[in-house]
C-alpha atoms as a PDB file:
ATOM      1  CA  MET A   1       0.000   0.000   0.000  1.00  0.00           C
ATOM      2  CA  CYS A   2       1.053   3.591  -0.575  1.00  0.00           C
ATOM      3  CA  GLY A   3      -0.808   6.043   1.649  1.00  0.00           C
ATOM      4  CA  ARG A   4       1.625   8.957   1.927  1.00  0.00           C
ATOM      5  CA  TYR A   5       4.352  10.366  -0.265  1.00  0.00           C
ATOM      6  CA  THR A   6       6.411  13.467  -0.990  1.00  0.00           C
ATOM      7  CA  ASN A   7       6.875  15.775  -3.924  1.00  0.00           C
ATOM      8  CA  HIS A   8       8.969  18.848  -3.195  1.00  0.00           C
ATOM      9  CA  THR A   9      10.518  18.963  -6.677  1.00  0.00           C
ATOM     10  CA  PRO A  10       9.418  21.986  -8.790  1.00  0.00           C
ATOM     11  CA  ALA A  11       6.874  21.220 -11.506  1.00  0.00           C
ATOM     12  CA  LYS A  12       9.181  22.668 -14.171  1.00  0.00           C
ATOM     13  CA  ILE A  13      11.660  19.853 -13.456  1.00  0.00           C
ATOM     14  CA  TYR A  14       9.011  17.232 -14.214  1.00  0.00           C
ATOM     15  CA  ALA A  15       8.091  19.095 -17.385  1.00  0.00           C
ATOM     16  CA  GLN A  16      11.697  18.640 -18.506  1.00  0.00           C
ATOM     17  CA  ILE A  17      11.911  15.003 -17.392  1.00  0.00           C
ATOM     18  CA  PHE A  18       8.658  13.989 -19.095  1.00  0.00           C
ATOM     19  CA  ASN A  19       8.937  16.370 -22.055  1.00  0.00           C
ATOM     20  CA  ALA A  20       5.551  17.757 -21.067  1.00  0.00           C
ATOM     21  CA  THR A  21       3.896  21.174 -21.085  1.00  0.00           C
ATOM     22  CA  LEU A  22       3.180  23.003 -17.833  1.00  0.00           C
ATOM     23  CA  ASP A  23       0.236  25.180 -18.909  1.00  0.00           C
ATOM     24  CA  GLY A  24       0.902  27.513 -15.997  1.00  0.00           C
ATOM     25  CA  ILE A  25       0.742  24.837 -13.302  1.00  0.00           C
ATOM     26  CA  GLU A  26       2.657  25.652 -10.132  1.00  0.00           C
ATOM     27  CA  THR A  27       2.660  23.333  -7.126  1.00  0.00           C
ATOM     28  CA  PRO A  28       4.028  24.032  -3.640  1.00  0.00           C
ATOM     29  CA  PRO A  29       6.645  21.733  -2.093  1.00  0.00           C
ATOM     30  CA  ARG A  30       4.840  18.799  -0.460  1.00  0.00           C
ATOM     31  CA  PHE A  31       6.312  16.651   2.311  1.00  0.00           C
ATOM     32  CA  ASN A  32       3.252  14.682   3.418  1.00  0.00           C
ATOM     33  CA  ILE A  33       0.821  14.098   0.555  1.00  0.00           C
ATOM     34  CA  ALA A  34      -2.276  12.230   1.716  1.00  0.00           C
ATOM     35  CA  PRO A  35      -5.305  10.632   0.018  1.00  0.00           C
ATOM     36  CA  SER A  36      -7.857  13.103  -1.397  1.00  0.00           C
ATOM     37  CA  ASP A  37      -5.123  15.719  -1.928  1.00  0.00           C
ATOM     38  CA  ASN A  38      -4.604  17.220  -5.365  1.00  0.00           C
ATOM     39  CA  VAL A  39      -1.413  15.781  -6.836  1.00  0.00           C
ATOM     40  CA  LEU A  40       0.792  16.489  -9.834  1.00  0.00           C
ATOM     41  CA  ALA A  41       0.736  14.005 -12.717  1.00  0.00           C
ATOM     42  CA  CYS A  42       1.669  13.708 -16.375  1.00  0.00           C
ATOM     43  CA  ARG A  43      -0.698  12.286 -18.998  1.00  0.00           C
ATOM     44  CA  VAL A  44      -1.326  12.379 -22.719  1.00  0.00           C
ATOM     45  CA  ASP A  45      -4.345  14.523 -23.580  1.00  0.00           C
ATOM     46  CA  ALA A  46      -6.713  14.267 -26.532  1.00  0.00           C
ATOM     47  CA  ASP A  47      -4.326  16.328 -28.628  1.00  0.00           C
ATOM     48  CA  GLY A  48      -1.683  13.622 -28.247  1.00  0.00           C
ATOM     49  CA  LYS A  49       0.711  15.768 -26.204  1.00  0.00           C
ATOM     50  CA  ARG A  50       2.051  15.229 -22.716  1.00  0.00           C
ATOM     51  CA  LYS A  51       0.761  17.670 -20.137  1.00  0.00           C
ATOM     52  CA  LEU A  52       1.225  18.154 -16.430  1.00  0.00           C
ATOM     53  CA  VAL A  53      -2.095  18.245 -14.616  1.00  0.00           C
ATOM     54  CA  THR A  54      -3.417  18.117 -11.063  1.00  0.00           C
ATOM     55  CA  LEU A  55      -5.597  15.165 -10.100  1.00  0.00           C
ATOM     56  CA  LYS A  56      -7.436  14.220  -6.920  1.00  0.00           C
ATOM     57  CA  TRP A  57      -5.754  11.234  -5.251  1.00  0.00           C
ATOM     58  CA  GLY A  58      -8.363   8.472  -4.987  1.00  0.00           C
ATOM     59  CA  LEU A  59      -9.695   7.186  -8.299  1.00  0.00           C
ATOM     60  CA  ILE A  60     -13.385   7.680  -9.067  1.00  0.00           C
ATOM     61  CA  PRO A  61     -14.439   5.338 -11.914  1.00  0.00           C
ATOM     62  CA  PHE A  62     -16.485   7.042 -14.622  1.00  0.00           C
ATOM     63  CA  TRP A  63     -19.453   4.796 -13.782  1.00  0.00           C
ATOM     64  CA  ALA A  64     -19.475   5.501 -10.027  1.00  0.00           C
ATOM     65  CA  LYS A  65     -22.670   6.967  -8.583  1.00  0.00           C
ATOM     66  CA  GLU A  66     -20.897   8.889  -5.824  1.00  0.00           C
ATOM     67  CA  PRO A  67     -17.382  10.404  -5.665  1.00  0.00           C
ATOM     68  CA  LYS A  68     -16.824   9.074  -2.143  1.00  0.00           C
ATOM     69  CA  ILE A  69     -15.765   5.744  -3.668  1.00  0.00           C
ATOM     70  CA  GLY A  70     -12.427   7.443  -4.357  1.00  0.00           C
ATOM     71  CA  TYR A  71     -11.422   7.160  -0.699  1.00  0.00           C
ATOM     72  CA  LYS A  72     -11.186   3.383  -1.210  1.00  0.00           C
ATOM     73  CA  MET A  73      -9.299   3.656  -4.507  1.00  0.00           C
ATOM     74  CA  ILE A  74      -5.990   5.305  -3.613  1.00  0.00           C
ATOM     75  CA  ASN A  75      -4.091   2.183  -4.710  1.00  0.00           C
ATOM     76  CA  ALA A  76      -4.512  -0.467  -7.406  1.00  0.00           C
ATOM     77  CA  ARG A  77      -2.775  -3.829  -7.076  1.00  0.00           C
ATOM     78  CA  ALA A  78      -0.497  -4.655 -10.001  1.00  0.00           C
ATOM     79  CA  GLU A  79      -1.725  -8.254 -10.025  1.00  0.00           C
ATOM     80  CA  THR A  80      -5.378  -7.354 -10.627  1.00  0.00           C
ATOM     81  CA  VAL A  81      -5.309  -3.864 -12.135  1.00  0.00           C
ATOM     82  CA  ALA A  82      -6.060  -5.154 -15.636  1.00  0.00           C
ATOM     83  CA  THR A  83      -9.178  -7.079 -14.576  1.00  0.00           C
ATOM     84  CA  LYS A  84     -10.710  -5.361 -11.545  1.00  0.00           C
ATOM     85  CA  PRO A  85     -13.834  -3.435 -12.668  1.00  0.00           C
ATOM     86  CA  ALA A  86     -12.783  -0.239 -10.881  1.00  0.00           C
ATOM     87  CA  PHE A  87      -9.487  -0.035 -12.777  1.00  0.00           C
ATOM     88  CA  ARG A  88      -9.581  -2.061 -15.993  1.00  0.00           C
ATOM     89  CA  ALA A  89     -10.908   0.707 -18.269  1.00  0.00           C
ATOM     90  CA  ALA A  90      -8.359   3.212 -17.003  1.00  0.00           C
ATOM     91  CA  PHE A  91      -5.598   0.610 -17.270  1.00  0.00           C
ATOM     92  CA  ARG A  92      -6.352   0.222 -20.958  1.00  0.00           C
ATOM     93  CA  HIS A  93      -6.765   3.857 -21.906  1.00  0.00           C
ATOM     94  CA  CYS A  94      -6.018   6.330 -19.065  1.00  0.00           C
ATOM     95  CA  ARG A  95      -2.544   5.744 -17.653  1.00  0.00           C
ATOM     96  CA  CYS A  96      -0.427   8.494 -16.139  1.00  0.00           C
ATOM     97  CA  LEU A  97       2.839   9.236 -14.371  1.00  0.00           C
ATOM     98  CA  ILE A  98       2.367  10.502 -10.828  1.00  0.00           C
ATOM     99  CA  CYS A  99       5.162  12.863  -9.807  1.00  0.00           C
ATOM    100  CA  ALA A 100       7.027  11.990  -6.601  1.00  0.00           C
ATOM    101  CA  ASP A 101      10.425  12.111  -4.954  1.00  0.00           C
ATOM    102  CA  GLY A 102       9.820   9.810  -1.982  1.00  0.00           C
ATOM    103  CA  PHE A 103       7.197   7.849  -0.065  1.00  0.00           C
ATOM    104  CA  TYR A 104       6.531   6.608   3.450  1.00  0.00           C
ATOM    105  CA  GLU A 105       5.957   3.152   4.868  1.00  0.00           C
ATOM    106  CA  TRP A 106       5.540   2.065   8.482  1.00  0.00           C
ATOM    107  CA  LYS A 107       7.539  -0.725  10.144  1.00  0.00           C
ATOM    108  CA  PRO A 108       6.123  -2.508  13.205  1.00  0.00           C
ATOM    109  CA  THR A 109       8.463  -2.212  16.219  1.00  0.00           C
ATOM    110  CA  LYS A 110       8.173  -2.788  19.968  1.00  0.00           C
ATOM    111  CA  HIS A 111       7.544   0.941  20.294  1.00  0.00           C
ATOM    112  CA  GLY A 112       4.750   0.981  17.731  1.00  0.00           C
ATOM    113  CA  LYS A 113       4.832   1.624  14.011  1.00  0.00           C
ATOM    114  CA  GLN A 114       7.936   3.506  12.909  1.00  0.00           C
ATOM    115  CA  PRO A 115       7.638   5.596   9.711  1.00  0.00           C
ATOM    116  CA  TYR A 116      10.388   5.404   7.099  1.00  0.00           C
ATOM    117  CA  HIS A 117      11.068   7.738   4.221  1.00  0.00           C
ATOM    118  CA  ILE A 118      11.985   5.789   1.088  1.00  0.00           C
ATOM    119  CA  ARG A 119      13.408   7.357  -2.049  1.00  0.00           C
ATOM    120  CA  LEU A 120      15.861   6.935  -4.891  1.00  0.00           C
ATOM    121  CA  ILE A 121      19.485   7.366  -3.863  1.00  0.00           C
ATOM    122  CA  GLY A 122      20.225  11.078  -3.741  1.00  0.00           C
ATOM    123  CA  GLY A 123      16.550  12.007  -3.634  1.00  0.00           C
ATOM    124  CA  GLN A 124      16.058  12.561  -7.361  1.00  0.00           C
ATOM    125  CA  PRO A 125      12.476  12.805  -8.677  1.00  0.00           C
ATOM    126  CA  PHE A 126      10.698   9.811 -10.207  1.00  0.00           C
ATOM    127  CA  ALA A 127       7.253   8.672 -11.325  1.00  0.00           C
ATOM    128  CA  PHE A 128       4.738   6.241  -9.885  1.00  0.00           C
ATOM    129  CA  ALA A 129       2.747   4.211 -12.379  1.00  0.00           C
ATOM    130  CA  GLY A 130      -0.746   5.656 -12.109  1.00  0.00           C
ATOM    131  CA  LEU A 131      -4.213   5.613 -13.629  1.00  0.00           C
ATOM    132  CA  TRP A 132      -6.593   8.543 -14.025  1.00  0.00           C
ATOM    133  CA  GLU A 133     -10.313   8.963 -14.610  1.00  0.00           C
ATOM    134  CA  HIS A 134     -12.757  11.714 -15.566  1.00  0.00           C
ATOM    135  CA  TRP A 135     -15.976  11.644 -13.505  1.00  0.00           C
ATOM    136  CA  GLU A 136     -18.918  13.937 -14.160  1.00  0.00           C
ATOM    137  CA  ARG A 137     -22.412  14.214 -12.700  1.00  0.00           C
ATOM    138  CA  GLU A 138     -24.725  17.202 -13.165  1.00  0.00           C
ATOM    139  CA  ASP A 139     -22.646  20.256 -12.229  1.00  0.00           C
ATOM    140  CA  GLN A 140     -19.724  18.371 -10.635  1.00  0.00           C
ATOM    141  CA  THR A 141     -16.579  17.250 -12.470  1.00  0.00           C
ATOM    142  CA  ILE A 142     -13.621  15.478 -10.839  1.00  0.00           C
ATOM    143  CA  GLU A 143     -10.442  14.169 -12.421  1.00  0.00           C
ATOM    144  CA  SER A 144      -8.799  11.647 -10.112  1.00  0.00           C
ATOM    145  CA  CYS A 145      -5.986   9.107  -9.958  1.00  0.00           C
ATOM    146  CA  THR A 146      -4.655   6.035  -8.212  1.00  0.00           C
ATOM    147  CA  VAL A 147      -1.144   4.722  -7.528  1.00  0.00           C
ATOM    148  CA  ILE A 148      -0.374   1.160  -8.620  1.00  0.00           C
ATOM    149  CA  VAL A 149       1.329  -0.967  -5.945  1.00  0.00           C
ATOM    150  CA  THR A 150       3.360  -4.135  -6.269  1.00  0.00           C
ATOM    151  CA  ASP A 151       5.443  -6.536  -4.142  1.00  0.00           C
ATOM    152  CA  ALA A 152       8.154  -4.863  -2.093  1.00  0.00           C
ATOM    153  CA  ASN A 153      11.768  -5.153  -3.188  1.00  0.00           C
ATOM    154  CA  GLU A 154      14.605  -6.216  -0.864  1.00  0.00           C
ATOM    155  CA  LEU A 155      15.009  -2.722   0.576  1.00  0.00           C
ATOM    156  CA  VAL A 156      11.340  -2.097   1.359  1.00  0.00           C
ATOM    157  CA  ASN A 157      10.317  -5.628   2.383  1.00  0.00           C
ATOM    158  CA  PRO A 158      11.704  -5.434   5.957  1.00  0.00           C
ATOM    159  CA  ILE A 159       9.490  -2.366   6.420  1.00  0.00           C
ATOM    160  CA  HIS A 160       6.376  -3.329   4.451  1.00  0.00           C
ATOM    161  CA  ASP A 161       5.453  -6.138   2.043  1.00  0.00           C
ATOM    162  CA  ARG A 162       4.095  -3.779  -0.644  1.00  0.00           C
ATOM    163  CA  MET A 163       5.447  -0.693  -2.365  1.00  0.00           C
ATOM    164  CA  PRO A 164       4.293   1.821  -4.992  1.00  0.00           C
ATOM    165  CA  MET A 165       5.202   0.972  -8.559  1.00  0.00           C
ATOM    166  CA  ILE A 166       8.103   3.222  -9.618  1.00  0.00           C
ATOM    167  CA  LEU A 167       8.581   3.212 -13.375  1.00  0.00           C
ATOM    168  CA  SER A 168      11.945   3.271 -15.109  1.00  0.00           C
ATOM    169  CA  PRO A 169      12.341   6.316 -17.392  1.00  0.00           C
ATOM    170  CA  ASP A 170      12.877   3.840 -20.226  1.00  0.00           C
ATOM    171  CA  ASP A 171       9.263   2.728 -19.772  1.00  0.00           C
ATOM    172  CA  TYR A 172       7.574   6.145 -19.743  1.00  0.00           C
ATOM    173  CA  ASP A 173       6.778   6.089 -23.458  1.00  0.00           C
ATOM    174  CA  ARG A 174       5.087   2.688 -23.388  1.00  0.00           C
ATOM    175  CA  TRP A 175       3.181   3.468 -20.201  1.00  0.00           C
ATOM    176  CA  LEU A 176       1.812   6.784 -21.459  1.00  0.00           C
ATOM    177  CA  ASP A 177       0.958   5.613 -24.984  1.00  0.00           C
ATOM    178  CA  PRO A 178      -2.886   5.711 -25.035  1.00  0.00           C
ATOM    179  CA  THR A 179      -2.988   3.486 -28.120  1.00  0.00           C
ATOM    180  CA  ASN A 180      -1.235   0.645 -26.284  1.00  0.00           C
ATOM    181  CA  ALA A 181      -3.954  -1.525 -24.736  1.00  0.00           C
ATOM    182  CA  ASN A 182      -1.868  -4.712 -24.585  1.00  0.00           C
ATOM    183  CA  SER A 183      -2.488  -5.788 -20.986  1.00  0.00           C
ATOM    184  CA  SER A 184       0.228  -8.438 -20.872  1.00  0.00           C
ATOM    185  CA  GLU A 185       2.843  -6.048 -22.237  1.00  0.00           C
ATOM    186  CA  LEU A 186       1.825  -3.312 -19.812  1.00  0.00           C
ATOM    187  CA  GLN A 187       1.840  -5.646 -16.837  1.00  0.00           C
ATOM    188  CA  GLN A 188       5.404  -6.645 -17.661  1.00  0.00           C
ATOM    189  CA  LEU A 189       6.354  -3.086 -16.723  1.00  0.00           C
ATOM    190  CA  LEU A 190       4.900  -3.502 -13.242  1.00  0.00           C
ATOM    191  CA  GLN A 191       7.916  -4.963 -11.454  1.00  0.00           C
ATOM    192  CA  PRO A 192       9.482  -3.796  -8.173  1.00  0.00           C
ATOM    193  CA  PHE A 193      12.059  -1.049  -8.705  1.00  0.00           C
ATOM    194  CA  PRO A 194      15.696  -2.198  -8.152  1.00  0.00           C
ATOM    195  CA  ALA A 195      16.528  -2.075  -4.447  1.00  0.00           C
ATOM    196  CA  ASP A 196      20.159  -1.095  -5.052  1.00  0.00           C
ATOM    197  CA  GLU A 197      18.992   2.204  -6.554  1.00  0.00           C
ATOM    198  CA  MET A 198      16.989   3.182  -3.466  1.00  0.00           C
ATOM    199  CA  GLU A 199      17.558   4.172   0.160  1.00  0.00           C
ATOM    200  CA  SER A 200      15.440   4.391   3.313  1.00  0.00           C
ATOM    201  CA  TYR A 201      15.724   5.898   6.783  1.00  0.00           C
ATOM    202  CA  PRO A 202      13.471   6.372   9.823  1.00  0.00           C
ATOM    203  CA  VAL A 203      11.720   9.711  10.293  1.00  0.00           C
ATOM    204  CA  GLY A 204       9.749  11.321  13.091  1.00  0.00           C
ATOM    205  CA  LYS A 205       6.191  10.262  13.832  1.00  0.00           C
ATOM    206  CA  ALA A 206       4.848  13.719  13.042  1.00  0.00           C
ATOM    207  CA  VAL A 207       4.260  12.336   9.536  1.00  0.00           C
ATOM    208  CA  ASN A 208       1.419  10.271  10.997  1.00  0.00           C
ATOM    209  CA  ARG A 209      -0.680  13.439  11.037  1.00  0.00           C
ATOM    210  CA  ALA A 210      -2.058  14.082   7.573  1.00  0.00           C
ATOM    211  CA  GLY A 211      -2.605  17.746   8.380  1.00  0.00           C
ATOM    212  CA  LEU A 212       1.108  18.381   8.850  1.00  0.00           C
ATOM    213  CA  ASP A 213       3.150  19.120   5.742  1.00  0.00           C
ATOM    214  CA  GLU A 214       6.589  20.508   6.574  1.00  0.00           C
ATOM    215  CA  PRO A 215      10.211  19.891   5.507  1.00  0.00           C
ATOM    216  CA  ARG A 216      10.940  18.270   8.867  1.00  0.00           C
ATOM    217  CA  MET A 217       8.772  15.324   7.783  1.00  0.00           C
ATOM    218  CA  ILE A 218      11.690  13.925   5.764  1.00  0.00           C
ATOM    219  CA  GLU A 219      14.465  14.630   8.282  1.00  0.00           C
ATOM    220  CA  PRO A 220      16.109  11.413   9.487  1.00  0.00           C
ATOM    221  CA  ILE A 221      16.097  10.452  13.142  1.00  0.00           C
ATOM    222  CA  ASN A 222      18.840   8.511  14.936  1.00  0.00           C
ATOM    223  CA  ASN A 223      16.767   5.687  16.355  1.00  0.00           C
ATOM    224  CA  GLU A 224      13.393   3.982  16.199  1.00  0.00           C
ATOM    225  CA  SER A 225      12.109   5.074  19.600  1.00  0.00           C
END
């Protein structure tokens, strides 16, 4: 599961990485992104060009009667994303890259659950494999997304048995291509990111509070007390 993550990298950096247009989007540094927040993502629009957009975290399928279903759809399991009714349409036609530079997982200890910040070595930005949807009823329109999760790699597994799906830059083109509906080919991309390219460290428990969003969230602590 992925229930919190960080994105303090400027949007213009992602525009360069993804070769996408900004369209005036500016996002503040985020150190504790939580479900239902608006998040930065990259997708291919109807004009065939990559654009950075903001999406509500918690996918609302186009057929849903109520938007509150999104609170249960913050993650999609890699093993079933192609077949589960809530995700299969988006998996075929509405994939996106969700901008991030770290995420949190909690490790059980004798002192309670200890949060860890997990990122690529050096803290460089990356992209989660995501799906997006357009939901509309009467006078309400919501564009939302979900983060795909997979089995944890060797680094994350001692902390948690699942992790968000981080895509290799080499796979961005295939993932974003809206004409590619080959489920087996797409699922081959959904493998745990190499552990030797990542790092983790314990952080303070202030991150447990979704209302807090400060740089100190990602500061390492010296022990797990």
